[in-house]
Protein backbone atom coordinates (compact mmCIF):
# COMPACT_ATOMS: atom_id res chain seq x y z
CA MET A 1 12.16 33.31 15.81
CA LYS A 2 10.45 30.80 18.03
CA LYS A 3 7.60 31.16 15.76
CA LEU A 4 9.15 30.53 12.65
CA ILE A 5 11.06 27.36 14.28
CA LEU A 6 7.35 26.28 15.16
CA ALA A 7 5.95 26.88 11.62
CA LEU A 8 8.74 24.92 10.36
CA SER A 9 8.02 22.23 12.46
CA MET A 10 4.54 21.88 11.73
CA ALA A 11 4.93 21.97 8.10
CA GLY A 12 7.41 19.27 8.74
CA PHE A 13 4.91 16.92 10.41
CA ALA A 14 2.37 17.63 7.84
CA ALA A 15 4.40 16.36 5.24
CA LEU A 16 5.35 13.53 7.06
CA SER A 17 2.01 12.45 8.12
CA ALA A 18 0.92 12.97 4.01
CA GLN A 19 3.31 10.41 3.06
CA ALA A 20 2.30 8.06 5.91
CA PRO A 21 -0.70 6.48 3.93
CA ALA A 22 1.88 5.37 1.12
CA LEU A 23 4.56 4.38 3.23
CA ALA A 24 2.25 2.13 4.90
CA GLN A 25 0.61 0.40 2.01
CA GLU A 26 4.51 0.01 0.78
CA ALA A 27 4.88 -1.90 3.72
CA ASP A 28 1.73 -3.99 3.38
CA PHE A 29 2.97 -4.78 -0.03
CA ALA A 30 5.93 -6.01 1.32
CA LYS A 31 4.40 -8.17 3.93
CA VAL A 32 1.63 -9.97 1.91
CA ASP A 33 4.34 -10.44 -0.97
CA ALA A 34 5.67 -13.66 0.72
CA ASN A 35 7.91 -14.97 -1.91
CA ALA A 36 9.04 -11.14 -2.73
CA ASP A 37 8.60 -11.46 -6.38
CA GLY A 38 6.87 -7.95 -6.86
CA MET A 39 3.71 -9.49 -7.14
CA VAL A 40 0.38 -10.48 -5.02
CA SER A 41 -1.09 -13.41 -5.50
CA MET A 42 -4.75 -14.23 -4.49
CA GLU A 43 -3.17 -16.89 -2.46
CA GLU A 44 -0.39 -14.76 -0.80
CA ALA A 45 -3.24 -11.88 -0.15
CA ALA A 46 -5.32 -15.02 1.54
CA ALA A 47 -2.81 -16.33 3.50
CA ALA A 48 -1.99 -12.65 4.90
CA GLY A 49 -5.68 -11.63 6.21
CA TRP A 50 -6.76 -10.07 3.26
CA SER A 51 -10.11 -11.05 2.84
CA TRP A 52 -10.81 -10.10 -1.14
CA SER A 53 -13.01 -12.39 -3.15
CA GLU A 54 -11.85 -13.77 -6.22
CA ASP A 55 -14.26 -10.90 -8.16
CA ASP A 56 -12.50 -8.06 -6.04
CA PHE A 57 -9.03 -9.50 -6.87
CA LYS A 58 -9.80 -9.86 -10.44
CA ALA A 59 -11.27 -6.39 -10.75
CA ALA A 60 -7.88 -5.16 -8.88
CA ASP A 61 -5.63 -6.88 -11.56
CA ALA A 62 -6.15 -4.21 -13.96
CA ASP A 63 -3.47 -6.19 -16.40
CA GLY A 64 -5.09 -9.28 -16.09
CA ASP A 65 -2.23 -11.39 -15.30
CA GLY A 66 -3.39 -12.93 -12.59
CA SER A 67 -1.68 -10.87 -9.85
CA LEU A 68 -1.32 -7.50 -8.45
CA ASN A 69 1.65 -5.50 -8.63
CA ALA A 70 2.23 -2.56 -6.15
CA GLU A 71 0.20 -0.03 -8.09
CA GLU A 72 -3.04 -2.59 -8.24
CA PHE A 73 -2.38 -3.59 -4.76
CA ALA A 74 -2.25 -0.09 -3.10
CA ALA A 75 -5.71 0.90 -5.32
CA ALA A 76 -7.23 -2.64 -4.06
CA ALA A 77 -6.14 -1.83 -0.52
CA GLY A 78 -6.78 1.97 -0.40
């Protein structure tokens, strides 16, 4: 019984650690998105300390709208 509980506990910790990077990126996005509009501008990224060049930012902006949505931000941050 102790081995079963230990095994289930370890499986639970493994699942949480697998989600940690995604949760951290979501938290970073929320912090960088200063005006909470769901998009990160180059100015917001710079103000939050991200050192992307304009070319890096444009490359991350997959849809070309001038800002990063959560998916684009996660891809650029990862």
